[in-house]
Amino acid sequence: MKIWTSEHVFDHPWETVTAAATQKYPNPMNPSVVGVDVLDRHIDPSGKRYSHRLLKKTMELKPINISFTNMISVDERLIYKPHPQDPEKIILTQEAIISVQEVSLSSYLEGLMATTISSNASKGRETMEWIIHKLHAETEELTASARGSIRTPMMAAVFIEK
């Protein structure tokens, strides 16, 4: 068994990072993942949304790799939570427990898998920054569009009065 861990701080607010995390796939940095299935989602009587992931200001994701499940087991966990000293930043802690069974050279393969997971984690953080940038651009575009549509009728009203 091989254990891999990593920690990364996103210099963005909670709302932005969690919005990006829920929109992470598909993305151009990792074309092998075409989507994410939500097995259960519901809203409780008080209005809270549950997707096996979101609870207050801690978001835990447990991706499941369905390839080679009879030989390789990867228990992966990603935890997003606010930075204790700076609430405008988010800490991502990642861990993976890798087990290769019924294969010779299992220790070597576990090490190889850990290296691959580390590389993919780096791509995942890149993807998060790309999505966050995209979300900011969309917000700015909507804001500019809203400002433009608000000004137009006012200009027309001023023009009509003269």
N, C-alpha and C. Protein backbone atom coordinates (compact mmCIF):
# COMPACT_ATOMS: atom_id res chain seq x y z
N MET A 1 0.84 -1.17 0.00
CA MET A 1 0.00 0.00 0.00
C MET A 1 0.89 1.24 0.00
N LYS A 2 0.50 2.24 -0.75
CA LYS A 2 1.24 3.49 -0.86
C LYS A 2 0.29 4.63 -0.49
N ILE A 3 0.75 5.58 0.31
CA ILE A 3 -0.06 6.74 0.68
C ILE A 3 0.60 7.99 0.12
N TRP A 4 -0.19 8.79 -0.56
CA TRP A 4 0.28 10.05 -1.16
C TRP A 4 -0.57 11.19 -0.60
N THR A 5 0.06 12.30 -0.21
CA THR A 5 -0.69 13.47 0.28
C THR A 5 -0.11 14.74 -0.31
N SER A 6 -0.94 15.77 -0.34
CA SER A 6 -0.52 17.07 -0.85
C SER A 6 -1.41 18.14 -0.24
N GLU A 7 -0.89 19.35 -0.11
CA GLU A 7 -1.70 20.48 0.37
C GLU A 7 -1.39 21.68 -0.50
N HIS A 8 -2.43 22.43 -0.85
CA HIS A 8 -2.30 23.60 -1.72
C HIS A 8 -3.23 24.69 -1.21
N VAL A 9 -2.78 25.95 -1.25
CA VAL A 9 -3.61 27.08 -0.84
C VAL A 9 -4.04 27.85 -2.08
N PHE A 10 -5.36 27.98 -2.25
CA PHE A 10 -5.91 28.80 -3.32
C PHE A 10 -6.12 30.21 -2.77
N ASP A 11 -5.63 31.20 -3.47
CA ASP A 11 -5.75 32.59 -3.04
C ASP A 11 -7.05 33.20 -3.59
N HIS A 12 -8.16 32.55 -3.28
CA HIS A 12 -9.48 32.97 -3.74
C HIS A 12 -10.48 32.70 -2.63
N PRO A 13 -11.63 33.40 -2.62
CA PRO A 13 -12.64 33.16 -1.59
C PRO A 13 -13.32 31.80 -1.71
N TRP A 14 -13.93 31.37 -0.62
CA TRP A 14 -14.62 30.09 -0.53
C TRP A 14 -15.62 29.89 -1.68
N GLU A 15 -16.49 30.85 -1.91
CA GLU A 15 -17.54 30.73 -2.92
C GLU A 15 -16.95 30.46 -4.30
N THR A 16 -15.86 31.14 -4.61
CA THR A 16 -15.22 30.99 -5.92
C THR A 16 -14.59 29.61 -6.07
N VAL A 17 -13.86 29.17 -5.05
CA VAL A 17 -13.17 27.88 -5.13
C VAL A 17 -14.16 26.72 -5.17
N THR A 18 -15.22 26.77 -4.36
CA THR A 18 -16.18 25.67 -4.38
C THR A 18 -16.98 25.66 -5.68
N ALA A 19 -17.27 26.84 -6.24
CA ALA A 19 -17.95 26.89 -7.55
C ALA A 19 -17.06 26.27 -8.61
N ALA A 20 -15.76 26.56 -8.56
CA ALA A 20 -14.82 25.99 -9.53
C ALA A 20 -14.71 24.47 -9.34
N ALA A 21 -14.68 24.02 -8.10
CA ALA A 21 -14.54 22.57 -7.83
C ALA A 21 -15.73 21.79 -8.37
N THR A 22 -16.92 22.37 -8.30
CA THR A 22 -18.10 21.67 -8.81
C THR A 22 -18.18 21.71 -10.33
N GLN A 23 -17.37 22.57 -10.96
CA GLN A 23 -17.36 22.67 -12.43
C GLN A 23 -16.05 22.16 -13.03
N LYS A 24 -15.29 21.41 -12.26
CA LYS A 24 -13.94 21.01 -12.66
C LYS A 24 -13.88 20.13 -13.91
N TYR A 25 -14.86 19.28 -14.09
CA TYR A 25 -14.86 18.37 -15.24
C TYR A 25 -16.07 18.60 -16.11
N PRO A 26 -15.93 18.47 -17.42
CA PRO A 26 -14.71 18.25 -18.19
C PRO A 26 -13.89 19.53 -18.30
N ASN A 27 -12.60 19.38 -18.64
CA ASN A 27 -11.72 20.53 -18.81
C ASN A 27 -10.60 20.15 -19.78
N PRO A 28 -9.98 21.15 -20.42
CA PRO A 28 -8.94 20.85 -21.40
C PRO A 28 -7.63 20.33 -20.80
N MET A 29 -7.41 20.48 -19.50
CA MET A 29 -6.17 20.00 -18.88
C MET A 29 -6.20 18.50 -18.63
N ASN A 30 -7.39 17.92 -18.54
CA ASN A 30 -7.52 16.49 -18.27
C ASN A 30 -8.63 15.92 -19.15
N PRO A 31 -8.36 15.74 -20.44
CA PRO A 31 -9.40 15.33 -21.38
C PRO A 31 -9.92 13.90 -21.18
N SER A 32 -9.23 13.11 -20.35
CA SER A 32 -9.69 11.73 -20.16
C SER A 32 -10.95 11.65 -19.29
N VAL A 33 -11.22 12.68 -18.50
CA VAL A 33 -12.44 12.70 -17.69
C VAL A 33 -13.49 13.50 -18.44
N VAL A 34 -14.57 12.83 -18.81
CA VAL A 34 -15.59 13.49 -19.62
C VAL A 34 -16.75 14.02 -18.80
N GLY A 35 -16.83 13.68 -17.53
CA GLY A 35 -17.92 14.18 -16.70
C GLY A 35 -17.86 13.59 -15.31
N VAL A 36 -18.78 14.05 -14.46
CA VAL A 36 -18.87 13.58 -13.10
C VAL A 36 -20.32 13.19 -12.84
N ASP A 37 -20.54 11.99 -12.35
CA ASP A 37 -21.89 11.54 -12.02
C ASP A 37 -22.19 11.88 -10.57
N VAL A 38 -23.37 12.44 -10.34
CA VAL A 38 -23.84 12.70 -8.98
C VAL A 38 -24.79 11.56 -8.64
N LEU A 39 -24.43 10.77 -7.64
CA LEU A 39 -25.24 9.61 -7.28
C LEU A 39 -26.47 9.98 -6.48
N ASP A 40 -26.37 11.01 -5.67
CA ASP A 40 -27.50 11.42 -4.85
C ASP A 40 -27.40 12.92 -4.58
N ARG A 41 -28.49 13.61 -4.78
CA ARG A 41 -28.54 15.04 -4.49
C ARG A 41 -29.94 15.34 -3.98
N HIS A 42 -30.00 16.09 -2.89
CA HIS A 42 -31.30 16.49 -2.37
C HIS A 42 -31.18 17.77 -1.57
N ILE A 43 -32.32 18.38 -1.33
CA ILE A 43 -32.39 19.59 -0.50
C ILE A 43 -33.21 19.23 0.72
N ASP A 44 -32.66 19.49 1.91
CA ASP A 44 -33.38 19.14 3.13
C ASP A 44 -34.46 20.20 3.43
N PRO A 45 -35.32 19.96 4.41
CA PRO A 45 -36.42 20.90 4.70
C PRO A 45 -35.98 22.33 5.03
N SER A 46 -34.75 22.49 5.52
CA SER A 46 -34.28 23.85 5.84
C SER A 46 -33.69 24.55 4.62
N GLY A 47 -33.58 23.83 3.47
CA GLY A 47 -33.08 24.45 2.25
C GLY A 47 -31.63 24.17 1.94
N LYS A 48 -30.94 23.33 2.74
CA LYS A 48 -29.54 23.00 2.47
C LYS A 48 -29.45 21.97 1.36
N ARG A 49 -28.47 22.15 0.46
CA ARG A 49 -28.25 21.23 -0.65
C ARG A 49 -27.21 20.18 -0.25
N TYR A 50 -27.49 18.92 -0.53
CA TYR A 50 -26.56 17.83 -0.24
C TYR A 50 -26.24 17.11 -1.54
N SER A 51 -24.94 16.90 -1.79
CA SER A 51 -24.48 16.15 -2.95
C SER A 51 -23.37 15.19 -2.53
N HIS A 52 -23.46 14.64 -1.35
CA HIS A 52 -22.39 13.80 -0.79
C HIS A 52 -21.09 14.58 -0.68
N ARG A 53 -21.13 15.90 -0.80
CA ARG A 53 -19.89 16.67 -0.83
C ARG A 53 -19.94 17.92 0.03
N LEU A 54 -21.00 18.67 -0.02
CA LEU A 54 -20.99 20.03 0.50
C LEU A 54 -21.61 20.09 1.90
N LEU A 55 -20.86 20.63 2.85
CA LEU A 55 -21.39 20.80 4.20
C LEU A 55 -20.73 22.03 4.80
N LYS A 56 -21.50 23.10 5.05
CA LYS A 56 -20.99 24.36 5.58
C LYS A 56 -19.75 24.79 4.82
N LYS A 57 -18.63 25.08 5.52
CA LYS A 57 -17.43 25.54 4.80
C LYS A 57 -16.34 24.49 4.80
N THR A 58 -16.73 23.25 4.65
CA THR A 58 -15.81 22.16 4.36
C THR A 58 -16.43 21.39 3.22
N MET A 59 -15.66 21.17 2.19
CA MET A 59 -16.16 20.38 1.08
C MET A 59 -15.21 19.22 0.89
N GLU A 60 -15.75 18.02 0.96
CA GLU A 60 -14.95 16.82 0.81
C GLU A 60 -15.42 16.08 -0.43
N LEU A 61 -14.48 15.79 -1.31
CA LEU A 61 -14.77 15.03 -2.52
C LEU A 61 -14.05 13.70 -2.44
N LYS A 62 -14.74 12.64 -2.83
CA LYS A 62 -14.14 11.31 -2.85
C LYS A 62 -14.31 10.73 -4.25
N PRO A 63 -13.40 11.08 -5.16
CA PRO A 63 -13.49 10.52 -6.52
C PRO A 63 -13.26 9.02 -6.52
N ILE A 64 -13.93 8.33 -7.42
CA ILE A 64 -13.75 6.89 -7.55
C ILE A 64 -13.31 6.59 -8.98
N ASN A 65 -12.15 5.96 -9.09
CA ASN A 65 -11.63 5.57 -10.40
C ASN A 65 -12.20 4.20 -10.73
N ILE A 66 -12.95 4.13 -11.83
CA ILE A 66 -13.59 2.86 -12.18
C ILE A 66 -12.77 2.01 -13.15
N SER A 67 -11.58 2.47 -13.50
CA SER A 67 -10.69 1.69 -14.38
C SER A 67 -9.86 0.72 -13.53
N PHE A 68 -9.69 -0.49 -13.99
CA PHE A 68 -8.84 -1.50 -13.34
C PHE A 68 -9.23 -1.78 -11.89
N THR A 69 -10.50 -1.67 -11.55
CA THR A 69 -10.91 -1.83 -10.15
C THR A 69 -10.67 -3.23 -9.59
N ASN A 70 -10.52 -4.21 -10.45
CA ASN A 70 -10.25 -5.56 -9.94
C ASN A 70 -8.80 -5.75 -9.51
N MET A 71 -7.88 -4.87 -9.95
CA MET A 71 -6.46 -5.01 -9.60
C MET A 71 -5.94 -3.84 -8.76
N ILE A 72 -6.44 -2.63 -9.04
CA ILE A 72 -5.91 -1.43 -8.41
C ILE A 72 -7.02 -0.73 -7.64
N SER A 73 -6.73 -0.40 -6.40
CA SER A 73 -7.68 0.33 -5.57
C SER A 73 -7.05 1.67 -5.20
N VAL A 74 -7.76 2.76 -5.52
CA VAL A 74 -7.28 4.09 -5.16
C VAL A 74 -8.39 4.78 -4.37
N ASP A 75 -8.16 4.95 -3.07
CA ASP A 75 -9.09 5.68 -2.23
C ASP A 75 -8.57 7.10 -2.13
N GLU A 76 -9.22 7.99 -2.87
CA GLU A 76 -8.75 9.37 -2.95
C GLU A 76 -9.71 10.27 -2.18
N ARG A 77 -9.17 11.33 -1.61
CA ARG A 77 -9.98 12.28 -0.85
C ARG A 77 -9.42 13.68 -1.05
N LEU A 78 -10.29 14.64 -1.35
CA LEU A 78 -9.92 16.04 -1.48
C LEU A 78 -10.76 16.82 -0.48
N ILE A 79 -10.11 17.63 0.33
CA ILE A 79 -10.83 18.42 1.33
C ILE A 79 -10.48 19.89 1.13
N TYR A 80 -11.52 20.69 0.91
CA TYR A 80 -11.38 22.14 0.77
C TYR A 80 -11.90 22.77 2.05
N LYS A 81 -11.11 23.67 2.65
CA LYS A 81 -11.60 24.41 3.81
C LYS A 81 -10.88 25.75 3.90
N PRO A 82 -11.51 26.73 4.57
CA PRO A 82 -10.89 28.06 4.68
C PRO A 82 -9.55 28.00 5.41
N HIS A 83 -8.64 28.84 4.97
CA HIS A 83 -7.34 28.97 5.62
C HIS A 83 -7.57 29.56 7.01
N PRO A 84 -6.99 29.00 8.07
CA PRO A 84 -7.28 29.49 9.42
C PRO A 84 -6.82 30.92 9.69
N GLN A 85 -5.75 31.39 9.02
CA GLN A 85 -5.27 32.75 9.24
C GLN A 85 -5.82 33.75 8.24
N ASP A 86 -6.29 33.29 7.09
CA ASP A 86 -6.77 34.20 6.05
C ASP A 86 -8.02 33.60 5.40
N PRO A 87 -9.22 34.03 5.84
CA PRO A 87 -10.45 33.45 5.33
C PRO A 87 -10.71 33.71 3.85
N GLU A 88 -9.90 34.56 3.22
CA GLU A 88 -10.04 34.80 1.78
C GLU A 88 -9.26 33.78 0.95
N LYS A 89 -8.59 32.85 1.64
CA LYS A 89 -7.84 31.79 0.96
C LYS A 89 -8.42 30.44 1.36
N ILE A 90 -8.24 29.46 0.49
CA ILE A 90 -8.78 28.12 0.72
C ILE A 90 -7.64 27.11 0.66
N ILE A 91 -7.63 26.18 1.62
CA ILE A 91 -6.64 25.11 1.65
C ILE A 91 -7.27 23.86 1.04
N LEU A 92 -6.56 23.28 0.10
CA LEU A 92 -6.95 21.99 -0.47
C LEU A 92 -5.96 20.95 0.03
N THR A 93 -6.47 19.95 0.73
CA THR A 93 -5.65 18.82 1.17
C THR A 93 -6.09 17.61 0.36
N GLN A 94 -5.14 16.95 -0.26
CA GLN A 94 -5.43 15.78 -1.07
C GLN A 94 -4.67 14.58 -0.50
N GLU A 95 -5.32 13.44 -0.55
CA GLU A 95 -4.64 12.22 -0.16
C GLU A 95 -5.16 11.07 -1.00
N ALA A 96 -4.32 10.09 -1.19
CA ALA A 96 -4.72 8.90 -1.93
C ALA A 96 -4.04 7.70 -1.30
N ILE A 97 -4.80 6.65 -1.10
CA ILE A 97 -4.27 5.38 -0.62
C ILE A 97 -4.37 4.41 -1.80
N ILE A 98 -3.23 3.95 -2.24
CA ILE A 98 -3.14 3.13 -3.45
C ILE A 98 -2.77 1.69 -3.07
N SER A 99 -3.57 0.75 -3.57
CA SER A 99 -3.27 -0.67 -3.34
C SER A 99 -3.36 -1.41 -4.66
N VAL A 100 -2.30 -2.13 -4.98
CA VAL A 100 -2.29 -2.99 -6.17
C VAL A 100 -2.30 -4.42 -5.66
N GLN A 101 -3.26 -5.20 -6.14
CA GLN A 101 -3.42 -6.57 -5.64
C GLN A 101 -3.31 -7.57 -6.78
N GLU A 102 -2.83 -8.75 -6.41
CA GLU A 102 -2.76 -9.89 -7.32
C GLU A 102 -1.94 -9.62 -8.57
N VAL A 103 -0.92 -8.76 -8.43
CA VAL A 103 -0.04 -8.46 -9.55
C VAL A 103 1.40 -8.49 -9.03
N SER A 104 2.33 -9.09 -9.80
CA SER A 104 3.72 -9.04 -9.37
C SER A 104 4.22 -7.60 -9.50
N LEU A 105 5.21 -7.25 -8.76
CA LEU A 105 5.76 -5.88 -8.72
C LEU A 105 4.73 -4.86 -8.23
N SER A 106 3.88 -5.28 -7.30
CA SER A 106 2.82 -4.39 -6.83
C SER A 106 3.39 -3.12 -6.17
N SER A 107 4.49 -3.24 -5.44
CA SER A 107 5.09 -2.07 -4.81
C SER A 107 5.54 -1.05 -5.85
N TYR A 108 6.16 -1.55 -6.92
CA TYR A 108 6.60 -0.68 -8.01
C TYR A 108 5.40 0.01 -8.66
N LEU A 109 4.34 -0.74 -8.93
CA LEU A 109 3.14 -0.17 -9.55
C LEU A 109 2.46 0.85 -8.64
N GLU A 110 2.47 0.61 -7.34
CA GLU A 110 1.89 1.57 -6.39
C GLU A 110 2.67 2.88 -6.43
N GLY A 111 4.01 2.78 -6.50
CA GLY A 111 4.84 3.98 -6.62
C GLY A 111 4.58 4.73 -7.92
N LEU A 112 4.42 3.98 -8.99
CA LEU A 112 4.11 4.58 -10.29
C LEU A 112 2.75 5.29 -10.25
N MET A 113 1.79 4.66 -9.62
CA MET A 113 0.46 5.27 -9.48
C MET A 113 0.54 6.55 -8.64
N ALA A 114 1.33 6.54 -7.57
CA ALA A 114 1.49 7.73 -6.72
C ALA A 114 2.09 8.88 -7.53
N THR A 115 3.07 8.58 -8.39
CA THR A 115 3.68 9.60 -9.25
C THR A 115 2.64 10.16 -10.22
N THR A 116 1.83 9.29 -10.79
CA THR A 116 0.78 9.72 -11.72
C THR A 116 -0.26 10.58 -11.01
N ILE A 117 -0.65 10.18 -9.80
CA ILE A 117 -1.63 10.95 -9.03
C ILE A 117 -1.07 12.33 -8.70
N SER A 118 0.20 12.39 -8.34
CA SER A 118 0.84 13.67 -8.04
C SER A 118 0.82 14.59 -9.26
N SER A 119 1.14 14.03 -10.42
CA SER A 119 1.12 14.81 -11.66
C SER A 119 -0.30 15.28 -11.98
N ASN A 120 -1.27 14.39 -11.82
CA ASN A 120 -2.66 14.76 -12.09
C ASN A 120 -3.17 15.79 -11.09
N ALA A 121 -2.69 15.73 -9.85
CA ALA A 121 -3.10 16.71 -8.85
C ALA A 121 -2.62 18.10 -9.26
N SER A 122 -1.42 18.18 -9.79
CA SER A 122 -0.90 19.45 -10.28
C SER A 122 -1.77 19.98 -11.42
N LYS A 123 -2.16 19.10 -12.34
CA LYS A 123 -3.07 19.50 -13.43
C LYS A 123 -4.41 19.94 -12.86
N GLY A 124 -4.86 19.26 -11.82
CA GLY A 124 -6.14 19.61 -11.19
C GLY A 124 -6.12 21.00 -10.58
N ARG A 125 -5.01 21.35 -9.94
CA ARG A 125 -4.89 22.71 -9.36
C ARG A 125 -4.83 23.75 -10.47
N GLU A 126 -4.13 23.43 -11.56
CA GLU A 126 -4.10 24.31 -12.73
C GLU A 126 -5.50 24.51 -13.28
N THR A 127 -6.25 23.42 -13.35
CA THR A 127 -7.62 23.47 -13.84
C THR A 127 -8.48 24.37 -12.95
N MET A 128 -8.32 24.24 -11.64
CA MET A 128 -9.09 25.08 -10.71
C MET A 128 -8.81 26.56 -10.97
N GLU A 129 -7.55 26.92 -11.14
CA GLU A 129 -7.21 28.33 -11.41
C GLU A 129 -7.80 28.78 -12.75
N TRP A 130 -7.80 27.89 -13.75
CA TRP A 130 -8.37 28.21 -15.05
C TRP A 130 -9.88 28.44 -14.93
N ILE A 131 -10.57 27.57 -14.19
CA ILE A 131 -12.01 27.72 -14.00
C ILE A 131 -12.32 29.00 -13.22
N ILE A 132 -11.53 29.28 -12.19
CA ILE A 132 -11.74 30.50 -11.39
C ILE A 132 -11.58 31.72 -12.28
N HIS A 133 -10.56 31.73 -13.13
CA HIS A 133 -10.36 32.84 -14.06
C HIS A 133 -11.58 32.97 -14.98
N LYS A 134 -12.06 31.83 -15.47
CA LYS A 134 -13.23 31.81 -16.35
C LYS A 134 -14.47 32.35 -15.62
N LEU A 135 -14.65 31.96 -14.36
CA LEU A 135 -15.79 32.46 -13.58
C LEU A 135 -15.71 33.97 -13.38
N HIS A 136 -14.50 34.47 -13.10
CA HIS A 136 -14.32 35.92 -12.95
C HIS A 136 -14.66 36.64 -14.24
N ALA A 137 -14.20 36.11 -15.37
CA ALA A 137 -14.47 36.73 -16.67
C ALA A 137 -15.97 36.74 -16.96
N GLU A 138 -16.66 35.64 -16.66
CA GLU A 138 -18.11 35.58 -16.87
C GLU A 138 -18.83 36.58 -15.99
N THR A 139 -18.39 36.72 -14.75
CA THR A 139 -19.01 37.68 -13.83
C THR A 139 -18.81 39.10 -14.33
N GLU A 140 -17.58 39.41 -14.76
CA GLU A 140 -17.31 40.75 -15.28
C GLU A 140 -18.14 41.04 -16.53
N GLU A 141 -18.28 40.04 -17.39
CA GLU A 141 -19.06 40.21 -18.61
C GLU A 141 -20.54 40.45 -18.29
N LEU A 142 -21.08 39.69 -17.34
CA LEU A 142 -22.48 39.88 -16.94
C LEU A 142 -22.69 41.24 -16.28
N THR A 143 -21.73 41.66 -15.45
CA THR A 143 -21.83 42.96 -14.80
C THR A 143 -21.81 44.08 -15.83
N ALA A 144 -20.90 44.00 -16.78
CA ALA A 144 -20.82 45.01 -17.84
C ALA A 144 -22.09 45.02 -18.68
N SER A 145 -22.61 43.84 -18.97
CA SER A 145 -23.84 43.73 -19.76
C SER A 145 -25.02 44.33 -19.01
N ALA A 146 -25.09 44.05 -17.71
CA ALA A 146 -26.18 44.60 -16.89
C ALA A 146 -26.09 46.12 -16.81
N ARG A 147 -24.89 46.64 -16.66
CA ARG A 147 -24.71 48.09 -16.60
C ARG A 147 -25.14 48.73 -17.92
N GLY A 148 -24.78 48.10 -19.03
CA GLY A 148 -25.13 48.62 -20.34
C GLY A 148 -26.63 48.63 -20.56
N SER A 149 -27.33 47.57 -20.13
CA SER A 149 -28.77 47.50 -20.34
C SER A 149 -29.52 48.45 -19.40
N ILE A 150 -28.94 48.75 -18.26
CA ILE A 150 -29.58 49.71 -17.35
C ILE A 150 -29.43 51.12 -17.89
N ARG A 151 -28.29 51.44 -18.45
CA ARG A 151 -28.04 52.79 -18.96
C ARG A 151 -28.88 53.11 -20.20
N THR A 152 -29.10 52.15 -21.05
CA THR A 152 -29.80 52.40 -22.30
C THR A 152 -31.20 52.97 -22.08
N PRO A 153 -32.07 52.36 -21.25
CA PRO A 153 -33.38 52.94 -21.06
C PRO A 153 -33.33 54.32 -20.42
N MET A 154 -32.37 54.54 -19.51
CA MET A 154 -32.26 55.83 -18.86
C MET A 154 -31.89 56.91 -19.89
N MET A 155 -30.97 56.56 -20.78
CA MET A 155 -30.56 57.48 -21.83
C MET A 155 -31.77 57.80 -22.72
N ALA A 156 -32.54 56.77 -23.03
CA ALA A 156 -33.70 56.96 -23.88
C ALA A 156 -34.71 57.87 -23.19
N ALA A 157 -34.88 57.68 -21.88
CA ALA A 157 -35.83 58.53 -21.15
C ALA A 157 -35.37 59.97 -21.15
N VAL A 158 -34.10 60.20 -20.95
CA VAL A 158 -33.54 61.55 -20.97
C VAL A 158 -33.73 62.16 -22.37
N PHE A 159 -33.48 61.38 -23.39
CA PHE A 159 -33.60 61.85 -24.75
C PHE A 159 -35.06 62.22 -25.07
N ILE A 160 -36.02 61.44 -24.63
CA ILE A 160 -37.42 61.68 -24.90
C ILE A 160 -37.88 62.96 -24.20
N GLU A 161 -37.40 63.20 -22.97
CA GLU A 161 -37.84 64.39 -22.24
C GLU A 161 -37.35 65.67 -22.90
N LYS A 162 -36.23 65.67 -23.53
CA LYS A 162 -35.72 66.88 -24.15
C LYS A 162 -36.45 67.10 -25.42
